[in-house]
Amino acid sequence: MNIVKKVAVSIVAGSLIFNTFSSIKVIEATDESNTKPSQHTQYGLGCNIDYSVLDTQKEINEVDYERANLSTSLDLSSDSAFPPIGYQGYIGSCVAWATTYYTFTYMVHDQKGITSTASNAYSPSWTYNLINGGIDDGSIVPDAINVLINQGALTMSECPYSTSNYSLDWSNNTQAMINALSTRAYINGDYNYFNISNVCGTDFNNQINTAKYLLNNNHPLVVTMQATEGLTNSTWRQCSDSSHINQHICVRNTSGSGGHAMTIVGYDDTVWCDVNGNGTVDTGETGAFKLANSWGTGWGNDGYIWILYDALLSTSQIKSAYNSSVVWDSSMENRVPFFARTGYTNVVYYFDVKDYNVGYVSKVTLTTSRRNQLRATSLGDNIQIYQRYSNGSYNTQIGFTGTIVLDHPSSENISSHLSGYSWGVNISDMFSDGYSVSGISCKLVDNLNNTIKTYYSGGSVNGTSNSYTTLLNLTRGDVDYSGILTLSDADAITDYLAHIIDFSNVQKVLADYNNDGIVDSTDVSALRLYLLSKGVDVSSLDVKIEAYVQQGLISMEAN
């Protein structure tokens, strides 16, 4: 599959949408048992225009539709890995809900065999606050995906989402941020979206099958749309087939200024809506995608909605029941393809996830009263962006005092990067004014947040950028990063073999003292002989080894 990593800046504000429910029950995002008050007249939106997809046509060409043997229906939301429906409140965070809470949670938990809950699902607050420019003004999908690629995500328990007292602050949960680097989204190829044609024909049918193919391969799909009448119950229809009786379905959308993002979680080719009301199944009236929304369980079908395939077309296939020469909605105005945030092109976003063997991480503590002016990248063989400016101005008055973490991806092959490589960060302040980025302190840590080396303290930038780097030279056996081999290193490796302590990914490589690819008793024995040669008293180590052998915790026989 080919995917592209797109960079775009959004200038269209998020907004709110009115609905005609007189009473609705919604679930607080951080507590499945906590319900909101019964009267709600507005929902949060927040999907801005991704200008990188305007007037483009991207297709996935590798899918062999005949051999794919697609089923007639599929529902990822029925899997235990799919999180419960959430509620974004009046916050413009829909993009983060679609990408992070639903899609990223499902893909990670499906891969790891984890049952999703409202607390272990990944937090939209984490993602949204890194891309919203410091103001609640919406965001675009590529920026959210970039956060998941670069930083991963924190869970709802680690980074709570509160609809009643939403905070735009960045997280200061350093260990959680380091842990998040171990599982991230990635782009498998050249782009992260494809288009579904808005014209009925072979391309449209094949691209619908592309979406089905990805769903069958456990990929929820993020879609964006104009948030107008198509998302309110005033224009919904009821499904007409017996299997989906009384379920809500959207059959068309209209143009408007607001935007919204949702997640395709499945499809069913047997869904039928008698759109033209003639009592018969007509072309275009069957087949629909199932979407998860972030407006609580009181919206739609317990938080989900069906979108008729035909609603993705700029002109419906469904003929009028009274005049077969015209389509059923020919007298209605402003029809737009349903997944067209721009009003023209159906865009479907997707990504993959994978685990990373996190080696070196730069932990940077700093202070700024203008967070929007901050840029941070990791230095080494790869560069990583921590925050992307997406909207708001440089003078948005939201500050940050705390720690950010930046992975050094090329250190994933740790054994090849123990010595002779420089690592560091570049910190930029994008505007010269009275508000600097100050108090910059940098540490190189491992994935367990153990300090490998402190390499800078007390830096400041104002309207410029500085790079802070360090040359790293680690020695096998030096698991405490002291720079010399000591008895404490041999003690720690022995405790690790006895499963009394854990080692980071870097420490596991360093513990392989004899560099044979395995951490075992031969490493302890070889390190013990080295310490003896330096005149170190190893009697306490010998006592420990004997005790562990007697307890069956270790064996001094080579593996």
Protein backbone atom coordinates (compact mmCIF):
# COMPACT_ATOMS: atom_id res chain seq x y z
CA MET A 1 0.00 0.00 0.00
CA ASN A 2 1.19 3.48 -0.77
CA ILE A 3 0.66 6.36 1.61
CA VAL A 4 1.85 9.98 1.58
CA LYS A 5 2.83 12.14 4.48
CA LYS A 6 1.28 15.52 3.72
CA VAL A 7 2.14 18.84 5.34
CA ALA A 8 -0.56 21.49 5.30
CA VAL A 9 -1.58 24.59 7.20
CA SER A 10 -5.24 25.14 7.96
CA ILE A 11 -6.92 28.54 8.05
CA VAL A 12 -10.58 27.59 8.33
CA ALA A 13 -12.02 27.70 11.80
CA GLY A 14 -13.96 24.96 13.51
CA SER A 15 -17.52 25.61 14.57
CA LEU A 16 -20.61 24.10 16.16
CA ILE A 17 -23.56 22.32 14.63
CA PHE A 18 -27.19 22.54 15.73
CA ASN A 19 -29.43 19.49 15.99
CA THR A 20 -33.10 19.05 16.65
CA PHE A 21 -32.99 16.52 19.47
CA SER A 22 -35.08 17.65 22.42
CA SER A 23 -33.46 15.17 24.78
CA ILE A 24 -30.17 13.36 24.35
CA LYS A 25 -27.94 11.26 26.54
CA VAL A 26 -24.19 11.52 26.07
CA ILE A 27 -21.27 9.88 27.83
CA GLU A 28 -18.41 11.82 29.43
CA ALA A 29 -15.23 10.81 27.66
CA THR A 30 -13.33 10.05 30.84
CA ASP A 31 -16.06 8.08 32.60
CA GLU A 32 -18.35 5.54 30.96
CA SER A 33 -20.84 5.79 33.82
CA ASN A 34 -21.08 9.58 33.94
CA THR A 35 -23.82 11.17 31.84
CA LYS A 36 -24.21 14.76 30.71
CA PRO A 37 -27.33 16.85 31.33
CA SER A 38 -30.26 15.89 29.13
CA GLN A 39 -30.63 19.12 27.13
CA HIS A 40 -28.07 19.60 24.32
CA THR A 41 -28.45 21.80 21.27
CA GLN A 42 -24.89 21.91 19.97
CA TYR A 43 -22.03 19.57 19.13
CA GLY A 44 -18.36 20.32 18.71
CA LEU A 45 -16.85 20.09 15.23
CA GLY A 46 -13.31 21.12 14.34
CA CYS A 47 -12.22 19.57 11.03
CA ASN A 48 -10.44 22.22 9.00
CA ILE A 49 -9.62 21.99 5.29
CA ASP A 50 -6.57 19.96 4.33
CA TYR A 51 -5.38 21.95 1.33
CA SER A 52 -2.94 19.23 0.31
CA VAL A 53 -5.81 17.09 -1.01
CA LEU A 54 -7.53 19.72 -3.13
CA ASP A 55 -7.95 18.66 -6.75
CA THR A 56 -5.94 15.47 -6.27
CA GLN A 57 -6.72 11.89 -7.14
CA LYS A 58 -4.88 9.18 -5.21
CA GLU A 59 -5.65 5.52 -5.69
CA ILE A 60 -4.38 2.27 -4.23
CA ASN A 61 -3.51 0.07 -7.17
CA GLU A 62 -2.27 -3.09 -5.47
CA VAL A 63 -5.67 -4.43 -4.48
CA ASP A 64 -6.80 -7.42 -6.52
CA TYR A 65 -10.52 -7.06 -5.98
CA GLU A 66 -11.46 -10.45 -7.38
CA ARG A 67 -8.98 -12.31 -5.21
CA ALA A 68 -9.69 -10.15 -2.16
CA ASN A 69 -12.95 -12.10 -1.74
CA LEU A 70 -14.65 -9.29 0.13
CA SER A 71 -17.47 -10.18 2.46
CA THR A 72 -20.88 -8.52 2.09
CA SER A 73 -20.56 -6.92 5.53
CA LEU A 74 -17.97 -6.14 8.17
CA ASP A 75 -18.06 -4.32 11.51
CA LEU A 76 -14.79 -3.55 13.31
CA SER A 77 -16.71 -1.84 16.12
CA SER A 78 -17.95 -5.26 17.24
CA ASP A 79 -14.37 -6.26 18.08
CA SER A 80 -13.21 -5.98 21.68
CA ALA A 81 -10.29 -3.86 20.47
CA PHE A 82 -12.64 -1.06 19.40
CA PRO A 83 -13.21 1.58 22.12
CA PRO A 84 -16.64 2.64 23.37
CA ILE A 85 -18.30 5.66 21.78
CA GLY A 86 -16.93 8.89 23.22
CA TYR A 87 -18.18 12.44 23.55
CA GLN A 88 -16.08 15.42 22.46
CA GLY A 89 -18.39 18.01 23.98
CA TYR A 90 -18.21 21.49 22.51
CA ILE A 91 -14.47 21.12 21.85
CA GLY A 92 -13.29 21.24 18.20
CA SER A 93 -11.38 17.99 18.60
CA CYS A 94 -13.19 15.68 16.16
CA VAL A 95 -10.03 15.04 14.10
CA ALA A 96 -8.21 13.78 17.18
CA TRP A 97 -11.16 11.58 18.14
CA ALA A 98 -11.29 10.02 14.68
CA THR A 99 -7.54 9.49 14.29
CA THR A 100 -6.39 8.83 17.84
CA TYR A 101 -9.26 7.59 20.00
CA TYR A 102 -10.93 5.37 17.42
CA THR A 103 -8.42 4.48 14.69
CA PHE A 104 -5.12 4.39 16.59
CA THR A 105 -6.68 2.68 19.61
CA TYR A 106 -8.28 -0.02 17.52
CA MET A 107 -5.18 -0.72 15.44
CA VAL A 108 -2.81 -0.89 18.41
CA HIS A 109 -5.15 -2.92 20.62
CA ASP A 110 -6.10 -5.26 17.78
CA GLN A 111 -2.41 -5.89 17.11
CA LYS A 112 -1.67 -6.54 20.78
CA GLY A 113 -4.85 -8.42 21.71
CA ILE A 114 -6.03 -5.75 24.19
CA THR A 115 -9.67 -5.12 25.07
CA SER A 116 -10.38 -1.39 24.73
CA THR A 117 -12.03 0.63 27.46
CA ALA A 118 -12.75 4.31 27.96
CA SER A 119 -9.59 4.60 30.09
CA ASN A 120 -7.03 2.62 28.08
CA ALA A 121 -8.10 4.10 24.72
CA TYR A 122 -5.74 6.73 23.34
CA SER A 123 -6.50 10.31 24.24
CA PRO A 124 -7.76 12.88 21.71
CA SER A 125 -6.67 15.58 24.17
CA TRP A 126 -3.04 14.52 23.71
CA THR A 127 -3.17 14.81 19.93
CA TYR A 128 -5.45 17.82 19.62
CA ASN A 129 -3.42 20.01 21.97
CA LEU A 130 -0.25 19.36 19.96
CA ILE A 131 -1.82 20.51 16.70
CA ASN A 132 -4.40 23.16 17.56
CA GLY A 133 -1.97 26.06 17.78
CA GLY A 134 -2.86 26.79 21.37
CA ILE A 135 -6.49 27.69 20.61
CA ASP A 136 -9.61 25.59 20.30
CA ASP A 137 -10.02 26.22 16.59
CA GLY A 138 -10.00 22.78 14.98
CA SER A 139 -7.25 20.93 13.12
CA ILE A 140 -6.53 18.83 10.04
CA VAL A 141 -6.05 15.08 9.72
CA PRO A 142 -2.43 15.00 8.41
CA ASP A 143 -1.23 16.96 11.45
CA ALA A 144 -2.88 14.46 13.79
CA ILE A 145 -1.35 11.53 11.91
CA ASN A 146 2.07 13.20 12.12
CA VAL A 147 1.76 13.34 15.93
CA LEU A 148 0.95 9.64 15.98
CA ILE A 149 3.93 8.96 13.72
CA ASN A 150 6.40 11.05 15.71
CA GLN A 151 5.17 10.78 19.29
CA GLY A 152 2.62 7.98 19.47
CA ALA A 153 -0.17 8.73 21.94
CA LEU A 154 -1.01 8.76 25.62
CA THR A 155 -4.04 6.92 26.95
CA MET A 156 -7.12 8.52 28.43
CA SER A 157 -5.93 7.60 31.94
CA GLU A 158 -2.54 9.21 31.25
CA CYS A 159 -3.92 12.28 29.51
CA PRO A 160 -7.58 12.75 30.52
CA TYR A 161 -10.17 14.44 28.34
CA SER A 162 -12.68 16.59 30.21
CA THR A 163 -15.67 18.11 28.44
CA SER A 164 -16.65 20.17 31.48
CA ASN A 165 -13.22 21.70 32.10
CA TYR A 166 -11.17 21.17 28.96
CA SER A 167 -7.52 22.19 29.18
CA LEU A 168 -5.37 23.15 26.19
CA ASP A 169 -2.21 22.33 28.18
CA TRP A 170 0.38 19.89 26.94
CA SER A 171 0.98 16.78 28.99
CA ASN A 172 3.84 16.68 31.50
CA ASN A 173 3.62 12.91 31.99
CA THR A 174 7.20 12.28 30.92
CA GLN A 175 7.34 8.53 31.44
CA ALA A 176 4.05 8.06 29.60
CA MET A 177 5.39 10.12 26.69
CA ILE A 178 8.54 7.97 26.56
CA ASN A 179 6.45 4.80 26.72
CA ALA A 180 4.31 6.10 23.85
CA LEU A 181 7.33 6.15 21.55
CA SER A 182 7.38 2.35 21.54
CA THR A 183 4.19 2.04 19.46
CA ARG A 184 3.43 4.59 16.76
CA ALA A 185 1.69 5.10 13.48
CA TYR A 186 3.74 4.88 10.32
CA ILE A 187 3.31 5.61 6.66
CA ASN A 188 3.79 2.57 4.46
CA GLY A 189 4.68 4.13 1.13
CA ASP A 190 4.06 7.49 -0.47
CA TYR A 191 0.79 8.79 0.90
CA ASN A 192 -1.76 8.44 3.68
CA TYR A 193 -5.00 8.93 1.81
CA PHE A 194 -6.92 7.93 -1.27
CA ASN A 195 -9.92 9.32 -3.08
CA ILE A 196 -13.31 7.83 -3.79
CA SER A 197 -14.70 9.21 -7.02
CA ASN A 198 -17.81 11.38 -6.84
CA VAL A 199 -18.97 10.07 -10.24
CA CYS A 200 -20.75 6.73 -10.55
CA GLY A 201 -18.74 4.23 -12.60
CA THR A 202 -15.90 1.73 -12.49
CA ASP A 203 -13.57 3.99 -10.52
CA PHE A 204 -16.22 4.64 -7.90
CA ASN A 205 -16.97 0.93 -7.47
CA ASN A 206 -13.28 0.00 -7.28
CA GLN A 207 -12.56 2.72 -4.75
CA ILE A 208 -15.49 1.63 -2.59
CA ASN A 209 -13.89 -1.82 -2.72
CA THR A 210 -10.55 -0.28 -1.72
CA ALA A 211 -12.18 1.02 1.44
CA LYS A 212 -13.75 -2.39 2.08
CA TYR A 213 -10.40 -4.09 1.49
CA LEU A 214 -8.67 -1.90 4.07
CA LEU A 215 -11.46 -2.50 6.58
CA ASN A 216 -11.13 -6.23 6.01
CA ASN A 217 -7.45 -5.81 6.82
CA ASN A 218 -8.26 -4.18 10.16
CA HIS A 219 -7.83 -0.55 9.08
CA PRO A 220 -10.50 1.85 10.33
CA LEU A 221 -10.68 4.80 7.95
CA VAL A 222 -10.81 8.50 8.80
CA VAL A 223 -13.13 10.65 6.68
CA THR A 224 -13.94 14.34 6.72
CA MET A 225 -17.13 16.07 5.70
CA GLN A 226 -19.13 19.25 5.58
CA ALA A 227 -20.96 19.37 8.88
CA THR A 228 -24.33 20.59 7.73
CA GLU A 229 -27.79 19.11 7.48
CA GLY A 230 -26.47 15.67 6.57
CA LEU A 231 -25.40 15.15 10.18
CA THR A 232 -28.69 16.15 11.80
CA ASN A 233 -31.74 14.03 12.35
CA SER A 234 -33.86 16.43 10.32
CA THR A 235 -32.48 14.90 7.11
CA TRP A 236 -31.87 11.33 8.27
CA ARG A 237 -33.84 8.44 6.85
CA GLN A 238 -34.66 5.05 8.32
CA CYS A 239 -33.20 1.86 6.91
CA SER A 240 -35.88 -0.12 5.10
CA ASP A 241 -34.53 -3.68 5.27
CA SER A 242 -35.56 -5.93 8.15
CA SER A 243 -32.01 -6.43 9.44
CA HIS A 244 -31.49 -2.72 10.12
CA ILE A 245 -35.04 -1.61 10.80
CA ASN A 246 -35.32 1.77 12.58
CA GLN A 247 -31.61 2.47 12.22
CA HIS A 248 -30.63 5.92 10.98
CA ILE A 249 -28.93 6.40 7.63
CA CYS A 250 -27.64 9.51 5.84
CA VAL A 251 -28.53 9.65 2.16
CA ARG A 252 -27.13 13.05 1.12
CA ASN A 253 -25.14 16.01 2.40
CA THR A 254 -25.11 19.69 1.57
CA SER A 255 -22.44 22.38 1.39
CA GLY A 256 -21.58 24.48 4.41
CA SER A 257 -18.76 26.22 6.23
CA GLY A 258 -18.16 23.86 9.16
CA GLY A 259 -16.26 20.61 9.01
CA HIS A 260 -16.29 17.33 10.91
CA ALA A 261 -14.26 14.10 11.03
CA MET A 262 -15.52 10.60 11.74
CA THR A 263 -14.25 7.04 11.46
CA ILE A 264 -15.47 4.35 9.06
CA VAL A 265 -15.66 1.16 11.10
CA GLY A 266 -17.50 -1.14 8.69
CA TYR A 267 -19.92 -1.59 5.84
CA ASP A 268 -22.95 -3.62 4.84
CA ASP A 269 -23.97 -4.17 1.23
CA THR A 270 -27.43 -5.36 2.31
CA VAL A 271 -28.49 -2.12 3.98
CA TRP A 272 -31.45 -0.71 2.08
CA CYS A 273 -33.08 2.67 2.35
CA ASP A 274 -36.16 3.32 0.23
CA VAL A 275 -34.96 6.80 -0.63
CA ASN A 276 -37.49 7.57 -3.34
CA GLY A 277 -40.33 5.96 -1.39
CA ASN A 278 -41.62 3.68 -4.16
CA GLY A 279 -41.43 0.51 -2.07
CA THR A 280 -38.92 -1.26 -4.33
CA VAL A 281 -35.15 -1.72 -4.15
CA ASP A 282 -33.69 0.62 -6.76
CA THR A 283 -30.16 1.19 -7.98
CA GLY A 284 -28.24 3.28 -5.45
CA GLU A 285 -30.52 2.50 -2.52
CA THR A 286 -28.43 -0.39 -1.13
CA GLY A 287 -25.08 -0.54 0.59
CA ALA A 288 -23.67 1.76 3.27
CA PHE A 289 -20.62 2.47 5.40
CA LYS A 290 -20.91 2.40 9.18
CA LEU A 291 -19.27 5.37 10.90
CA ALA A 292 -18.37 6.03 14.54
CA ASN A 293 -18.95 9.58 15.74
CA SER A 294 -17.72 11.41 18.86
CA TRP A 295 -21.04 12.95 19.89
CA GLY A 296 -22.04 10.43 22.54
CA THR A 297 -24.27 7.35 22.48
CA GLY A 298 -27.45 9.43 22.24
CA TRP A 299 -26.64 10.49 18.68
CA GLY A 300 -27.53 8.38 15.64
CA ASN A 301 -27.52 4.64 16.22
CA ASP A 302 -26.02 4.60 19.72
CA GLY A 303 -23.26 6.88 18.49
CA TYR A 304 -22.87 5.33 15.02
CA ILE A 305 -24.50 6.19 11.68
CA TRP A 306 -24.90 4.59 8.26
CA ILE A 307 -23.82 6.56 5.18
CA LEU A 308 -25.32 5.31 1.93
CA TYR A 309 -22.66 4.64 -0.74
CA ASP A 310 -24.78 6.73 -3.09
CA ALA A 311 -24.34 9.73 -0.78
CA LEU A 312 -20.68 9.89 -1.86
CA LEU A 313 -21.72 10.85 -5.40
CA SER A 314 -22.17 14.41 -6.59
CA THR A 315 -25.25 13.19 -8.50
CA SER A 316 -27.39 10.41 -7.07
CA GLN A 317 -28.00 7.17 -8.97
CA ILE A 318 -31.45 6.90 -7.44
CA LYS A 319 -34.27 7.86 -9.80
CA SER A 320 -37.37 9.72 -8.78
CA ALA A 321 -40.40 7.56 -8.06
CA TYR A 322 -42.47 9.99 -10.12
CA ASN A 323 -40.15 10.68 -13.05
CA SER A 324 -37.54 8.09 -14.04
CA SER A 325 -35.70 10.64 -16.17
CA VAL A 326 -34.52 12.62 -13.12
CA VAL A 327 -32.88 11.70 -9.84
CA TRP A 328 -34.82 11.77 -6.60
CA ASP A 329 -33.19 14.94 -5.20
CA SER A 330 -32.99 16.95 -8.43
CA SER A 331 -35.17 19.66 -6.91
CA MET A 332 -32.92 19.99 -3.85
CA GLU A 333 -29.92 22.31 -3.71
CA ASN A 334 -26.30 22.13 -2.62
CA ARG A 335 -25.71 18.38 -2.71
CA VAL A 336 -22.04 17.52 -2.05
CA PRO A 337 -20.23 14.15 -1.84
CA PHE A 338 -20.50 13.07 1.77
CA PHE A 339 -16.78 12.56 2.50
CA ALA A 340 -15.78 15.84 0.85
CA ARG A 341 -14.68 18.38 3.44
CA THR A 342 -13.77 20.65 0.52
CA GLY A 343 -17.10 20.11 -1.21
CA TYR A 344 -15.56 18.33 -4.19
CA THR A 345 -13.50 15.22 -3.43
CA ASN A 346 -14.17 12.23 -1.18
CA VAL A 347 -10.98 11.80 0.83
CA VAL A 348 -10.23 8.74 2.98
CA TYR A 349 -7.22 8.75 5.34
CA TYR A 350 -5.51 5.70 6.78
CA PHE A 351 -2.23 4.62 8.38
CA ASP A 352 -0.47 1.60 9.86
CA VAL A 353 1.04 1.04 13.31
CA LYS A 354 4.17 -0.71 14.43
CA ASP A 355 6.38 -1.21 17.48
CA TYR A 356 9.77 0.48 17.87
CA ASN A 357 12.83 -0.64 19.81
CA VAL A 358 13.34 2.74 21.45
CA GLY A 359 17.00 3.45 22.18
CA TYR A 360 18.00 7.02 22.96
CA VAL A 361 15.49 9.72 23.82
CA SER A 362 16.24 13.38 24.36
CA LYS A 363 14.32 14.73 27.33
CA VAL A 364 14.18 18.51 27.12
CA THR A 365 12.93 20.75 29.90
CA LEU A 366 12.07 24.34 28.93
CA THR A 367 9.82 27.32 29.56
CA THR A 368 7.93 29.52 27.11
CA SER A 369 4.95 31.85 27.46
CA ARG A 370 4.25 31.58 23.72
CA ARG A 371 4.02 27.89 22.98
CA ASN A 372 3.14 28.51 19.34
CA GLN A 373 6.60 29.92 18.73
CA LEU A 374 8.33 26.71 19.81
CA ARG A 375 9.73 24.13 17.40
CA ALA A 376 11.80 21.15 18.50
CA THR A 377 13.49 18.48 16.42
CA SER A 378 15.69 15.57 17.37
CA LEU A 379 19.12 15.44 15.79
CA GLY A 380 21.00 12.38 14.62
CA ASP A 381 20.43 10.36 11.50
CA ASN A 382 16.74 11.35 11.56
CA ILE A 383 14.81 14.52 12.38
CA GLN A 384 11.56 14.56 14.28
CA ILE A 385 9.09 17.40 14.75
CA TYR A 386 7.55 17.66 18.19
CA GLN A 387 4.90 20.30 17.50
CA ARG A 388 3.47 21.53 14.25
CA TYR A 389 2.01 25.03 14.02
CA SER A 390 -1.40 24.59 12.41
CA ASN A 391 -3.50 27.61 13.36
CA GLY A 392 -3.62 30.57 15.68
CA SER A 393 -0.94 33.25 15.70
CA TYR A 394 2.59 33.27 17.08
CA ASN A 395 1.24 35.50 19.84
CA THR A 396 -1.35 33.07 21.13
CA GLN A 397 -0.96 33.51 24.86
CA ILE A 398 -0.60 29.98 26.09
CA GLY A 399 2.58 28.99 27.83
CA PHE A 400 4.37 25.78 28.67
CA THR A 401 6.80 24.88 31.41
CA GLY A 402 7.73 21.27 31.42
CA THR A 403 9.38 18.45 29.53
CA ILE A 404 9.09 17.24 25.97
CA VAL A 405 10.59 14.03 24.66
CA LEU A 406 12.13 13.44 21.24
CA ASP A 407 13.03 10.03 19.94
CA HIS A 408 16.20 9.41 17.94
CA PRO A 409 14.85 6.84 15.47
CA SER A 410 18.21 5.79 14.04
CA SER A 411 19.19 4.51 17.49
CA GLU A 412 16.62 1.72 17.13
CA ASN A 413 19.57 -0.50 16.10
CA ILE A 414 21.18 0.13 19.47
CA SER A 415 24.14 -2.22 19.17
CA SER A 416 25.35 -0.31 16.10
CA HIS A 417 25.08 3.06 17.83
CA LEU A 418 26.81 2.61 21.17
CA SER A 419 29.80 4.82 20.43
CA GLY A 420 30.97 7.50 18.05
CA TYR A 421 27.58 9.03 17.32
CA SER A 422 26.25 12.46 18.23
CA TRP A 423 22.70 12.93 19.43
CA GLY A 424 20.80 16.03 20.37
CA VAL A 425 18.02 18.47 19.64
CA ASN A 426 17.38 21.71 17.84
CA ILE A 427 15.18 24.20 19.69
CA SER A 428 13.71 27.14 17.77
CA ASP A 429 11.77 30.23 18.77
CA MET A 430 9.98 31.36 15.61
CA PHE A 431 9.48 35.05 16.43
CA SER A 432 11.79 37.63 17.93
CA ASP A 433 9.86 39.42 20.67
CA GLY A 434 9.78 39.70 24.42
CA TYR A 435 8.92 36.03 24.82
CA SER A 436 11.86 33.64 24.61
CA VAL A 437 12.15 29.92 25.04
CA SER A 438 14.32 29.68 28.15
CA GLY A 439 15.62 27.30 30.78
CA ILE A 440 16.53 24.73 28.14
CA SER A 441 18.03 21.62 29.73
CA CYS A 442 18.74 18.44 27.81
CA LYS A 443 19.25 14.86 28.89
CA LEU A 444 19.73 11.71 26.91
CA VAL A 445 17.65 8.97 28.52
CA ASP A 446 16.64 5.40 27.72
CA ASN A 447 13.13 4.01 27.35
CA LEU A 448 12.85 3.52 31.13
CA ASN A 449 13.75 7.21 31.69
CA ASN A 450 17.17 6.37 33.14
CA THR A 451 19.60 9.23 32.51
CA ILE A 452 22.36 8.22 30.13
CA LYS A 453 23.95 11.67 29.92
CA THR A 454 23.06 15.26 30.75
CA TYR A 455 24.35 17.30 27.85
CA TYR A 456 23.10 20.86 28.27
CA SER A 457 21.59 23.17 30.87
CA GLY A 458 20.42 26.76 30.92
CA GLY A 459 19.94 27.56 27.23
CA SER A 460 17.67 30.23 25.76
CA VAL A 461 16.52 31.20 22.26
CA ASN A 462 14.55 34.23 21.02
CA GLY A 463 13.70 34.52 17.35
CA THR A 464 16.39 32.02 16.42
CA SER A 465 17.37 28.39 16.90
CA ASN A 466 20.17 26.52 18.65
CA SER A 467 21.33 22.95 18.43
CA TYR A 468 22.42 21.08 21.53
CA THR A 469 24.32 17.85 20.91
CA THR A 470 26.53 15.33 22.64
CA LEU A 471 28.94 12.65 21.48
CA LEU A 472 28.02 9.36 23.09
CA ASN A 473 30.52 6.61 23.87
CA LEU A 474 29.06 3.72 25.81
CA THR A 475 30.99 0.65 26.96
CA ARG A 476 29.57 -2.85 27.07
CA GLY A 477 28.92 -3.86 30.64
CA ASP A 478 28.40 -0.27 31.84
CA VAL A 479 24.68 -0.67 32.51
CA ASP A 480 24.52 2.21 35.02
CA TYR A 481 25.99 4.67 32.48
CA SER A 482 28.70 5.76 34.93
CA GLY A 483 31.43 5.70 32.30
CA ILE A 484 33.46 2.99 34.04
CA LEU A 485 32.93 -0.69 34.74
CA THR A 486 32.26 -1.30 38.42
CA LEU A 487 30.96 -3.95 40.75
CA SER A 488 27.52 -2.30 40.62
CA ASP A 489 27.33 -3.16 36.90
CA ALA A 490 27.99 -6.84 37.59
CA ASP A 491 25.47 -6.77 40.46
CA ALA A 492 22.82 -5.19 38.20
CA ILE A 493 23.32 -7.72 35.40
CA THR A 494 23.04 -10.55 37.94
CA ASP A 495 19.81 -9.05 39.33
CA TYR A 496 18.49 -8.71 35.78
CA LEU A 497 19.17 -12.39 35.05
CA ALA A 498 17.34 -13.26 38.27
CA HIS A 499 14.36 -11.16 37.11
CA ILE A 500 14.67 -8.90 40.14
CA ILE A 501 15.14 -5.71 38.10
CA ASP A 502 14.29 -4.74 34.54
CA PHE A 503 16.62 -3.25 31.97
CA SER A 504 15.91 -0.72 29.28
CA ASN A 505 16.54 -1.56 25.65
CA VAL A 506 19.94 0.13 25.84
CA GLN A 507 20.86 -1.63 29.09
CA LYS A 508 20.00 -5.00 27.57
CA VAL A 509 22.53 -4.37 24.81
CA LEU A 510 25.18 -3.15 27.27
CA ALA A 511 24.55 -6.15 29.54
CA ASP A 512 25.76 -8.38 26.70
CA TYR A 513 29.33 -7.83 27.87
CA ASN A 514 30.91 -10.47 25.64
CA ASN A 515 28.87 -9.30 22.60
CA ASP A 516 27.59 -12.75 21.67
CA GLY A 517 24.00 -11.58 21.21
CA ILE A 518 22.73 -13.08 24.49
CA VAL A 519 22.64 -11.76 28.05
CA ASP A 520 23.46 -14.73 30.27
CA SER A 521 25.77 -15.93 33.02
CA THR A 522 28.79 -15.84 30.71
CA ASP A 523 28.50 -12.05 30.69
CA VAL A 524 28.58 -11.96 34.49
CA SER A 525 31.53 -14.35 34.58
CA ALA A 526 33.49 -12.35 32.00
CA LEU A 527 32.78 -9.05 33.76
CA ARG A 528 33.74 -10.62 37.09
CA LEU A 529 37.11 -11.68 35.68
CA TYR A 530 37.67 -8.16 34.33
CA LEU A 531 36.95 -6.63 37.75
CA LEU A 532 39.30 -9.13 39.40
CA SER A 533 42.04 -8.11 36.97
CA LYS A 534 41.57 -4.51 38.15
CA GLY A 535 41.88 -5.50 41.78
CA VAL A 536 38.19 -5.18 42.64
CA ASP A 537 36.91 -7.28 45.56
CA VAL A 538 34.11 -9.41 44.00
CA SER A 539 33.31 -11.47 47.12
CA SER A 540 29.91 -9.82 47.57
CA LEU A 541 29.08 -10.64 43.96
CA ASP A 542 30.09 -14.27 44.52
CA VAL A 543 27.80 -14.47 47.57
CA LYS A 544 24.92 -13.05 45.56
CA ILE A 545 25.50 -15.45 42.68
CA GLU A 546 25.61 -18.44 45.02
CA ALA A 547 22.38 -17.35 46.74
CA TYR A 548 20.59 -16.91 43.41
CA VAL A 549 21.81 -20.30 42.19
CA GLN A 550 20.56 -21.96 45.39
CA GLN A 551 17.17 -20.27 44.96
CA GLY A 552 16.98 -21.39 41.33
CA LEU A 553 16.84 -17.80 40.10
CA ILE A 554 19.87 -18.11 37.83
CA SER A 555 22.07 -20.76 36.35
CA MET A 556 25.76 -20.20 35.89
CA GLU A 557 25.80 -22.58 32.96
CA ALA A 558 26.08 -20.93 29.55
CA ASN A 559 22.92 -20.89 27.45
